[in-house]
Amino acid sequence: MGMRCEAGPARAPLACRLVLAAHMDDETLGLGAQIAAWTATGASVHVAFLTQGEPQDRRFYAAGADIHSYAARRRTEALLAAHALGLPSRNLHFADFPDLELSLHLDAAWEWLHRLSGRLRPRFIYAPAYEGGHPDHDALNLLASHLQASSTKISAWEYPLYTQCRGRVLYSSFPNRLGPVRILRPEASFRRRKCRALSCYISQRSTLQYFPMTEEKIRRLPRHDFKRPAVEPTVYELWGWPWRGSEFCAIWSRFQPADGQLP
């Protein structure tokens, strides 16, 4: 349970807010209504997509996807969704690392994200939670933790997407109680904009139906133990994906970003 919060952390309309998304649709699922609310107040909101949404293994394509234009289609969907939320296309940033393989590109991803943050100077960053749902989400949470450590001026938060409890997949819920949760309930007009934005992600339609639309959640980014999976087994192990959480944790626990403090 968490406290009701209409505006999210710290009312600072001119402060840059950087939403980190491992995949195109994470930003809308996790914070779409709140993004619409922020942009309506004139806030500077940017979204960084770390992967291009196209798995190298075709087994992981969404049902009915055109494998010859999948990445391009997902980028187009992200641009349309951003328009529905009131975000200009210039505020979207695409790193284009392979889907499902962000953990294998941590050094390059860190360099890209660190450089982007140095240019935007965000006051707030929002990352997918460390929740054992998708390895790219957890890898991005790791990068966000290092980004927060690189500057005393960054306030880092995380938003849930999906995790598991007792073998059942839970959507938009944190897997543990590592800090107070803020429940964001923007007004109905912003929730409708979120629904319009999600309708732009046609290629992901089969998975979006499970996420609640009435509220969004955030909490301050905890000090996660990346040597251990957030939950055991992870959701991707439950789904039979060919990786174990412990394999990713071995990668994450060894990662040391290149030196460089943000001013």
C-alpha atoms as a PDB file:
ATOM      1  CA  MET A   1       0.000   0.000   0.000  1.00  0.00           C
ATOM      2  CA  GLY A   2       1.178   3.557  -0.584  1.00  0.00           C
ATOM      3  CA  MET A   3       0.169   7.137  -0.110  1.00  0.00           C
ATOM      4  CA  ARG A   4      -1.938   8.949  -2.682  1.00  0.00           C
ATOM      5  CA  CYS A   5       0.082  11.412  -4.705  1.00  0.00           C
ATOM      6  CA  GLU A   6      -1.321  13.407  -7.596  1.00  0.00           C
ATOM      7  CA  ALA A   7       1.802  15.073  -8.923  1.00  0.00           C
ATOM      8  CA  GLY A   8       4.647  12.681  -8.168  1.00  0.00           C
ATOM      9  CA  PRO A   9       7.889  13.733  -6.533  1.00  0.00           C
ATOM     10  CA  ALA A  10       8.740  17.384  -6.020  1.00  0.00           C
ATOM     11  CA  ARG A  11       6.717  19.942  -7.930  1.00  0.00           C
ATOM     12  CA  ALA A  12       9.409  21.459 -10.108  1.00  0.00           C
ATOM     13  CA  PRO A  13       7.820  22.231 -13.499  1.00  0.00           C
ATOM     14  CA  LEU A  14      11.066  23.423 -15.083  1.00  0.00           C
ATOM     15  CA  ALA A  15      13.194  20.517 -13.871  1.00  0.00           C
ATOM     16  CA  CYS A  16      14.043  17.949 -16.528  1.00  0.00           C
ATOM     17  CA  ARG A  17      12.514  14.522 -15.983  1.00  0.00           C
ATOM     18  CA  LEU A  18      14.130  11.608 -17.795  1.00  0.00           C
ATOM     19  CA  VAL A  19      12.079   8.424 -18.107  1.00  0.00           C
ATOM     20  CA  LEU A  20      14.198   5.359 -18.875  1.00  0.00           C
ATOM     21  CA  ALA A  21      12.589   2.550 -20.835  1.00  0.00           C
ATOM     22  CA  ALA A  22      14.173  -0.722 -21.816  1.00  0.00           C
ATOM     23  CA  HIS A  23      11.581  -1.204 -24.562  1.00  0.00           C
ATOM     24  CA  MET A  24       9.183   0.913 -26.524  1.00  0.00           C
ATOM     25  CA  ASP A  25       5.945   0.744 -24.475  1.00  0.00           C
ATOM     26  CA  ASP A  26       7.580   0.520 -21.012  1.00  0.00           C
ATOM     27  CA  GLU A  27       7.322   4.298 -20.608  1.00  0.00           C
ATOM     28  CA  THR A  28       3.592   4.337 -21.338  1.00  0.00           C
ATOM     29  CA  LEU A  29       2.754   1.241 -19.305  1.00  0.00           C
ATOM     30  CA  GLY A  30       4.664   2.496 -16.287  1.00  0.00           C
ATOM     31  CA  LEU A  31       4.139   6.253 -16.360  1.00  0.00           C
ATOM     32  CA  GLY A  32       2.024   7.187 -19.370  1.00  0.00           C
ATOM     33  CA  ALA A  33      -0.677   9.116 -17.529  1.00  0.00           C
ATOM     34  CA  GLN A  34       1.876  10.886 -15.362  1.00  0.00           C
ATOM     35  CA  ILE A  35       3.953  11.821 -18.415  1.00  0.00           C
ATOM     36  CA  ALA A  36       0.823  13.366 -19.936  1.00  0.00           C
ATOM     37  CA  ALA A  37       0.194  15.269 -16.692  1.00  0.00           C
ATOM     38  CA  TRP A  38       3.774  16.545 -16.573  1.00  0.00           C
ATOM     39  CA  THR A  39       3.782  17.716 -20.182  1.00  0.00           C
ATOM     40  CA  ALA A  40       0.483  19.520 -19.610  1.00  0.00           C
ATOM     41  CA  THR A  41       2.192  21.672 -16.957  1.00  0.00           C
ATOM     42  CA  GLY A  42       5.035  22.583 -19.313  1.00  0.00           C
ATOM     43  CA  ALA A  43       7.569  20.283 -17.660  1.00  0.00           C
ATOM     44  CA  SER A  44      10.599  19.161 -19.638  1.00  0.00           C
ATOM     45  CA  VAL A  45      10.112  15.417 -20.071  1.00  0.00           C
ATOM     46  CA  HIS A  46      12.411  13.154 -22.087  1.00  0.00           C
ATOM     47  CA  VAL A  47      12.236   9.409 -22.712  1.00  0.00           C
ATOM     48  CA  ALA A  48      15.280   7.235 -23.392  1.00  0.00           C
ATOM     49  CA  PHE A  49      14.739   3.841 -25.020  1.00  0.00           C
ATOM     50  CA  LEU A  50      17.691   1.538 -24.467  1.00  0.00           C
ATOM     51  CA  THR A  51      16.801  -1.302 -26.858  1.00  0.00           C
ATOM     52  CA  GLN A  52      15.382  -1.234 -30.350  1.00  0.00           C
ATOM     53  CA  GLY A  53      12.686  -3.752 -29.432  1.00  0.00           C
ATOM     54  CA  GLU A  54      13.790  -6.381 -31.927  1.00  0.00           C
ATOM     55  CA  PRO A  55      15.029  -9.647 -30.382  1.00  0.00           C
ATOM     56  CA  GLN A  56      17.820 -11.441 -32.186  1.00  0.00           C
ATOM     57  CA  ASP A  57      15.989 -14.720 -31.500  1.00  0.00           C
ATOM     58  CA  ARG A  58      12.789 -14.753 -33.523  1.00  0.00           C
ATOM     59  CA  ARG A  59      11.063 -16.936 -30.933  1.00  0.00           C
ATOM     60  CA  PHE A  60      10.543 -13.778 -28.882  1.00  0.00           C
ATOM     61  CA  TYR A  61       8.719 -11.721 -31.485  1.00  0.00           C
ATOM     62  CA  ALA A  62       5.145 -10.759 -30.672  1.00  0.00           C
ATOM     63  CA  ALA A  63       2.528 -12.924 -32.323  1.00  0.00           C
ATOM     64  CA  GLY A  64       1.899 -11.922 -35.931  1.00  0.00           C
ATOM     65  CA  ALA A  65       4.894  -9.577 -36.088  1.00  0.00           C
ATOM     66  CA  ASP A  66       6.561  -8.834 -39.413  1.00  0.00           C
ATOM     67  CA  ILE A  67      10.128  -9.900 -38.670  1.00  0.00           C
ATOM     68  CA  HIS A  68      11.476  -7.867 -41.594  1.00  0.00           C
ATOM     69  CA  SER A  69      10.399  -4.487 -40.214  1.00  0.00           C
ATOM     70  CA  TYR A  70       9.844  -5.135 -36.516  1.00  0.00           C
ATOM     71  CA  ALA A  71      12.304  -2.600 -35.070  1.00  0.00           C
ATOM     72  CA  ALA A  72      11.176   0.159 -37.444  1.00  0.00           C
ATOM     73  CA  ARG A  73       7.552  -0.531 -36.619  1.00  0.00           C
ATOM     74  CA  ARG A  74       8.169  -0.335 -32.888  1.00  0.00           C
ATOM     75  CA  ARG A  75       9.967   3.002 -33.260  1.00  0.00           C
ATOM     76  CA  THR A  76       7.054   4.382 -35.267  1.00  0.00           C
ATOM     77  CA  GLU A  77       4.676   3.195 -32.557  1.00  0.00           C
ATOM     78  CA  ALA A  78       6.788   4.950 -29.917  1.00  0.00           C
ATOM     79  CA  LEU A  79       6.641   8.216 -31.865  1.00  0.00           C
ATOM     80  CA  LEU A  80       2.856   7.970 -32.177  1.00  0.00           C
ATOM     81  CA  ALA A  81       2.474   7.125 -28.483  1.00  0.00           C
ATOM     82  CA  ALA A  82       4.651  10.090 -27.506  1.00  0.00           C
ATOM     83  CA  HIS A  83       2.448  12.392 -29.580  1.00  0.00           C
ATOM     84  CA  ALA A  84      -0.613  11.085 -27.747  1.00  0.00           C
ATOM     85  CA  LEU A  85       1.078  11.911 -24.424  1.00  0.00           C
ATOM     86  CA  GLY A  86       2.074  15.402 -25.527  1.00  0.00           C
ATOM     87  CA  LEU A  87       5.780  14.636 -25.978  1.00  0.00           C
ATOM     88  CA  PRO A  88       7.582  16.129 -28.989  1.00  0.00           C
ATOM     89  CA  SER A  89       9.598  13.654 -31.037  1.00  0.00           C
ATOM     90  CA  ARG A  90      12.800  15.577 -30.256  1.00  0.00           C
ATOM     91  CA  ASN A  91      12.393  14.487 -26.619  1.00  0.00           C
ATOM     92  CA  LEU A  92      12.710  10.805 -27.525  1.00  0.00           C
ATOM     93  CA  HIS A  93      16.159   9.208 -27.532  1.00  0.00           C
ATOM     94  CA  PHE A  94      16.935   5.784 -29.023  1.00  0.00           C
ATOM     95  CA  ALA A  95      20.031   3.777 -28.093  1.00  0.00           C
ATOM     96  CA  ASP A  96      19.134   0.769 -30.271  1.00  0.00           C
ATOM     97  CA  PHE A  97      20.799  -2.019 -28.294  1.00  0.00           C
ATOM     98  CA  PRO A  98      19.433  -5.504 -29.081  1.00  0.00           C
ATOM     99  CA  ASP A  99      16.288  -6.505 -27.227  1.00  0.00           C
ATOM    100  CA  LEU A 100      16.922  -9.125 -24.516  1.00  0.00           C
ATOM    101  CA  GLU A 101      20.657  -8.376 -24.629  1.00  0.00           C
ATOM    102  CA  LEU A 102      21.090  -5.121 -22.714  1.00  0.00           C
ATOM    103  CA  SER A 103      23.093  -6.994 -20.073  1.00  0.00           C
ATOM    104  CA  LEU A 104      25.630  -7.931 -22.751  1.00  0.00           C
ATOM    105  CA  HIS A 105      26.174  -4.278 -23.686  1.00  0.00           C
ATOM    106  CA  LEU A 106      26.405  -2.608 -20.282  1.00  0.00           C
ATOM    107  CA  ASP A 107      29.608  -0.688 -20.981  1.00  0.00           C
ATOM    108  CA  ALA A 108      28.306   0.819 -24.210  1.00  0.00           C
ATOM    109  CA  ALA A 109      24.858   1.424 -22.702  1.00  0.00           C
ATOM    110  CA  TRP A 110      26.413   3.204 -19.732  1.00  0.00           C
ATOM    111  CA  GLU A 111      28.497   5.421 -22.017  1.00  0.00           C
ATOM    112  CA  TRP A 112      25.404   6.339 -24.053  1.00  0.00           C
ATOM    113  CA  LEU A 113      23.223   6.996 -21.013  1.00  0.00           C
ATOM    114  CA  HIS A 114      25.919   8.922 -19.163  1.00  0.00           C
ATOM    115  CA  ARG A 115      26.463  11.134 -22.200  1.00  0.00           C
ATOM    116  CA  LEU A 116      22.717  11.746 -22.619  1.00  0.00           C
ATOM    117  CA  SER A 117      22.351  12.651 -18.942  1.00  0.00           C
ATOM    118  CA  GLY A 118      25.271  15.020 -19.178  1.00  0.00           C
ATOM    119  CA  ARG A 119      23.495  16.841 -21.997  1.00  0.00           C
ATOM    120  CA  LEU A 120      19.986  16.885 -20.498  1.00  0.00           C
ATOM    121  CA  ARG A 121      21.001  17.393 -16.840  1.00  0.00           C
ATOM    122  CA  PRO A 122      17.859  15.661 -15.490  1.00  0.00           C
ATOM    123  CA  ARG A 123      16.728  16.445 -11.971  1.00  0.00           C
ATOM    124  CA  PHE A 124      14.609  13.293 -11.829  1.00  0.00           C
ATOM    125  CA  ILE A 125      15.090   9.933 -13.496  1.00  0.00           C
ATOM    126  CA  TYR A 126      12.603   7.068 -13.560  1.00  0.00           C
ATOM    127  CA  ALA A 127      13.673   3.502 -14.366  1.00  0.00           C
ATOM    128  CA  PRO A 128      11.918   0.138 -14.539  1.00  0.00           C
ATOM    129  CA  ALA A 129      12.004  -1.570 -11.158  1.00  0.00           C
ATOM    130  CA  TYR A 130      14.449  -4.309 -10.246  1.00  0.00           C
ATOM    131  CA  GLU A 131      11.758  -6.953 -10.162  1.00  0.00           C
ATOM    132  CA  GLY A 132      12.841 -10.109 -12.001  1.00  0.00           C
ATOM    133  CA  GLY A 133      10.310  -9.611 -14.771  1.00  0.00           C
ATOM    134  CA  HIS A 134      12.538  -8.997 -17.784  1.00  0.00           C
ATOM    135  CA  PRO A 135      16.357  -9.034 -17.806  1.00  0.00           C
ATOM    136  CA  ASP A 136      16.487  -5.761 -19.777  1.00  0.00           C
ATOM    137  CA  HIS A 137      14.361  -4.013 -17.124  1.00  0.00           C
ATOM    138  CA  ASP A 138      16.681  -5.183 -14.361  1.00  0.00           C
ATOM    139  CA  ALA A 139      19.811  -4.245 -16.330  1.00  0.00           C
ATOM    140  CA  LEU A 140      18.449  -0.739 -16.866  1.00  0.00           C
ATOM    141  CA  ASN A 141      17.722  -0.433 -13.152  1.00  0.00           C
ATOM    142  CA  LEU A 142      21.394  -1.246 -12.542  1.00  0.00           C
ATOM    143  CA  LEU A 143      22.443   1.531 -14.928  1.00  0.00           C
ATOM    144  CA  ALA A 144      20.042   3.951 -13.234  1.00  0.00           C
ATOM    145  CA  SER A 145      21.599   3.136  -9.874  1.00  0.00           C
ATOM    146  CA  HIS A 146      25.026   4.068 -11.214  1.00  0.00           C
ATOM    147  CA  LEU A 147      23.612   7.169 -12.859  1.00  0.00           C
ATOM    148  CA  GLN A 148      22.196   8.325  -9.539  1.00  0.00           C
ATOM    149  CA  ALA A 149      25.577   7.697  -7.909  1.00  0.00           C
ATOM    150  CA  SER A 150      27.284   9.815 -10.547  1.00  0.00           C
ATOM    151  CA  SER A 151      25.557  13.041  -9.468  1.00  0.00           C
ATOM    152  CA  THR A 152      24.214  14.426  -6.212  1.00  0.00           C
ATOM    153  CA  LYS A 153      21.709  16.448  -8.249  1.00  0.00           C
ATOM    154  CA  ILE A 154      19.784  13.423  -9.565  1.00  0.00           C
ATOM    155  CA  SER A 155      16.782  12.038  -7.715  1.00  0.00           C
ATOM    156  CA  ALA A 156      16.186   8.489  -8.969  1.00  0.00           C
ATOM    157  CA  TRP A 157      12.874   6.626  -8.852  1.00  0.00           C
ATOM    158  CA  GLU A 158      11.652   3.284 -10.151  1.00  0.00           C
ATOM    159  CA  TYR A 159       8.317   2.149 -11.559  1.00  0.00           C
ATOM    160  CA  PRO A 160       6.999  -1.450 -11.630  1.00  0.00           C
ATOM    161  CA  LEU A 161       6.041  -3.377 -14.741  1.00  0.00           C
ATOM    162  CA  TYR A 162       5.728  -7.066 -13.875  1.00  0.00           C
ATOM    163  CA  THR A 163       7.087  -9.514 -11.326  1.00  0.00           C
ATOM    164  CA  GLN A 164       5.910 -12.748  -9.729  1.00  0.00           C
ATOM    165  CA  CYS A 165       4.723 -13.942  -6.348  1.00  0.00           C
ATOM    166  CA  ARG A 166       4.192 -17.635  -5.575  1.00  0.00           C
ATOM    167  CA  GLY A 167       4.321 -18.452  -9.256  1.00  0.00           C
ATOM    168  CA  ARG A 168       1.716 -15.896 -10.308  1.00  0.00           C
ATOM    169  CA  VAL A 169       2.689 -12.951 -12.502  1.00  0.00           C
ATOM    170  CA  LEU A 170       1.767  -9.587 -10.983  1.00  0.00           C
ATOM    171  CA  TYR A 171       1.481  -6.452 -13.095  1.00  0.00           C
ATOM    172  CA  SER A 172       2.311  -2.928 -11.920  1.00  0.00           C
ATOM    173  CA  SER A 173       3.297  -4.145  -8.441  1.00  0.00           C
ATOM    174  CA  PHE A 174       6.631  -4.014  -6.655  1.00  0.00           C
ATOM    175  CA  PRO A 175       8.074  -7.386  -5.579  1.00  0.00           C
ATOM    176  CA  ASN A 176       9.110  -6.252  -2.114  1.00  0.00           C
ATOM    177  CA  ARG A 177       8.811  -3.504   0.504  1.00  0.00           C
ATOM    178  CA  LEU A 178      12.070  -1.663   0.090  1.00  0.00           C
ATOM    179  CA  GLY A 179      10.543   1.753   0.593  1.00  0.00           C
ATOM    180  CA  PRO A 180       7.269   3.685   0.608  1.00  0.00           C
ATOM    181  CA  VAL A 181       5.298   3.592  -2.626  1.00  0.00           C
ATOM    182  CA  ARG A 182       3.732   6.674  -4.148  1.00  0.00           C
ATOM    183  CA  ILE A 183       0.495   5.949  -5.937  1.00  0.00           C
ATOM    184  CA  LEU A 184      -0.070   8.366  -8.795  1.00  0.00           C
ATOM    185  CA  ARG A 185      -3.652   8.995  -9.825  1.00  0.00           C
ATOM    186  CA  PRO A 186      -3.686  11.655 -12.524  1.00  0.00           C
ATOM    187  CA  GLU A 187      -7.052  12.970 -13.592  1.00  0.00           C
ATOM    188  CA  ALA A 188      -9.221  11.068 -16.056  1.00  0.00           C
ATOM    189  CA  SER A 189      -8.175  13.107 -19.092  1.00  0.00           C
ATOM    190  CA  PHE A 190      -4.556  12.018 -18.645  1.00  0.00           C
ATOM    191  CA  ARG A 191      -5.561   8.390 -18.161  1.00  0.00           C
ATOM    192  CA  ARG A 192      -7.456   8.595 -21.442  1.00  0.00           C
ATOM    193  CA  ARG A 193      -4.328   9.924 -23.127  1.00  0.00           C
ATOM    194  CA  LYS A 194      -2.430   6.956 -21.740  1.00  0.00           C
ATOM    195  CA  CYS A 195      -5.003   4.601 -23.248  1.00  0.00           C
ATOM    196  CA  ARG A 196      -4.652   6.350 -26.607  1.00  0.00           C
ATOM    197  CA  ALA A 197      -0.888   6.069 -26.383  1.00  0.00           C
ATOM    198  CA  LEU A 198      -1.052   2.353 -25.597  1.00  0.00           C
ATOM    199  CA  SER A 199      -3.366   1.820 -28.565  1.00  0.00           C
ATOM    200  CA  CYS A 200      -0.470   2.997 -30.755  1.00  0.00           C
ATOM    201  CA  TYR A 201       1.563  -0.057 -29.732  1.00  0.00           C
ATOM    202  CA  ILE A 202      -0.316  -2.394 -32.035  1.00  0.00           C
ATOM    203  CA  SER A 203       2.566  -4.874 -32.237  1.00  0.00           C
ATOM    204  CA  GLN A 204       2.386  -5.402 -28.461  1.00  0.00           C
ATOM    205  CA  ARG A 205      -1.390  -5.605 -28.157  1.00  0.00           C
ATOM    206  CA  SER A 206      -1.412  -9.180 -26.859  1.00  0.00           C
ATOM    207  CA  THR A 207       0.602  -8.268 -23.745  1.00  0.00           C
ATOM    208  CA  LEU A 208      -0.757  -4.826 -22.887  1.00  0.00           C
ATOM    209  CA  GLN A 209      -4.180  -6.046 -21.801  1.00  0.00           C
ATOM    210  CA  TYR A 210      -2.883  -7.278 -18.437  1.00  0.00           C
ATOM    211  CA  PHE A 211      -1.791  -3.885 -17.104  1.00  0.00           C
ATOM    212  CA  PRO A 212      -4.125  -1.754 -14.952  1.00  0.00           C
ATOM    213  CA  MET A 213      -4.987   1.720 -16.228  1.00  0.00           C
ATOM    214  CA  THR A 214      -6.361   3.409 -13.105  1.00  0.00           C
ATOM    215  CA  GLU A 215      -3.136   4.191 -11.262  1.00  0.00           C
ATOM    216  CA  GLU A 216       0.649   4.246 -11.565  1.00  0.00           C
ATOM    217  CA  LYS A 217       3.268   3.662  -8.890  1.00  0.00           C
ATOM    218  CA  ILE A 218       6.765   4.883  -8.149  1.00  0.00           C
ATOM    219  CA  ARG A 219       9.199   4.733  -5.272  1.00  0.00           C
ATOM    220  CA  ARG A 220      12.657   6.098  -4.638  1.00  0.00           C
ATOM    221  CA  LEU A 221      15.281   3.851  -6.160  1.00  0.00           C
ATOM    222  CA  PRO A 222      16.428   1.502  -3.360  1.00  0.00           C
ATOM    223  CA  ARG A 223      19.923   0.136  -2.960  1.00  0.00           C
ATOM    224  CA  HIS A 224      19.301  -3.170  -4.698  1.00  0.00           C
ATOM    225  CA  ASP A 225      21.489  -6.237  -4.293  1.00  0.00           C
ATOM    226  CA  PHE A 226      22.296  -7.087  -7.896  1.00  0.00           C
ATOM    227  CA  LYS A 227      24.127 -10.220  -6.815  1.00  0.00           C
ATOM    228  CA  ARG A 228      20.738 -11.836  -6.189  1.00  0.00           C
ATOM    229  CA  PRO A 229      17.672 -12.047  -8.426  1.00  0.00           C
ATOM    230  CA  ALA A 230      14.853  -9.761  -7.348  1.00  0.00           C
ATOM    231  CA  VAL A 231      12.563 -12.785  -7.137  1.00  0.00           C
ATOM    232  CA  GLU A 232      13.175 -16.510  -7.480  1.00  0.00           C
ATOM    233  CA  PRO A 233      12.344 -17.883  -9.872  1.00  0.00           C
ATOM    234  CA  THR A 234      12.268 -14.901 -12.184  1.00  0.00           C
ATOM    235  CA  VAL A 235       9.294 -14.372 -14.465  1.00  0.00           C
ATOM    236  CA  TYR A 236      11.381 -15.254 -17.507  1.00  0.00           C
ATOM    237  CA  GLU A 237      12.325 -18.547 -15.877  1.00  0.00           C
ATOM    238  CA  LEU A 238       8.645 -19.258 -15.211  1.00  0.00           C
ATOM    239  CA  TRP A 239       7.969 -18.550 -18.870  1.00  0.00           C
ATOM    240  CA  GLY A 240      10.650 -20.999 -19.949  1.00  0.00           C
ATOM    241  CA  TRP A 241      13.081 -18.500 -21.415  1.00  0.00           C
ATOM    242  CA  PRO A 242      16.596 -19.981 -21.835  1.00  0.00           C
ATOM    243  CA  TRP A 243      18.290 -17.983 -19.044  1.00  0.00           C
ATOM    244  CA  ARG A 244      18.499 -18.071 -15.281  1.00  0.00           C
ATOM    245  CA  GLY A 245      18.411 -15.043 -13.040  1.00  0.00           C
ATOM    246  CA  SER A 246      21.684 -16.097 -11.472  1.00  0.00           C
ATOM    247  CA  GLU A 247      23.402 -15.864 -14.867  1.00  0.00           C
ATOM    248  CA  PHE A 248      22.409 -12.233 -15.262  1.00  0.00           C
ATOM    249  CA  CYS A 249      23.309 -11.446 -11.658  1.00  0.00           C
ATOM    250  CA  ALA A 250      26.841 -12.693 -12.329  1.00  0.00           C
ATOM    251  CA  ILE A 251      27.088 -10.110 -15.127  1.00  0.00           C
ATOM    252  CA  TRP A 252      25.509  -7.280 -13.164  1.00  0.00           C
ATOM    253  CA  SER A 253      27.617  -7.808 -10.056  1.00  0.00           C
ATOM    254  CA  ARG A 254      30.826  -7.545 -12.123  1.00  0.00           C
ATOM    255  CA  PHE A 255      29.834  -4.349 -13.889  1.00  0.00           C
ATOM    256  CA  GLN A 256      31.888  -1.275 -13.032  1.00  0.00           C
ATOM    257  CA  PRO A 257      31.089   1.835 -15.089  1.00  0.00           C
ATOM    258  CA  ALA A 258      33.828   3.988 -16.475  1.00  0.00           C
ATOM    259  CA  ASP A 259      34.757   6.861 -14.182  1.00  0.00           C
ATOM    260  CA  GLY A 260      32.900  10.065 -14.783  1.00  0.00           C
ATOM    261  CA  GLN A 261      30.883  12.270 -12.500  1.00  0.00           C
ATOM    262  CA  LEU A 262      28.094  14.393 -13.889  1.00  0.00           C
ATOM    263  CA  PRO A 263      28.596  18.049 -12.990  1.00  0.00           C
END
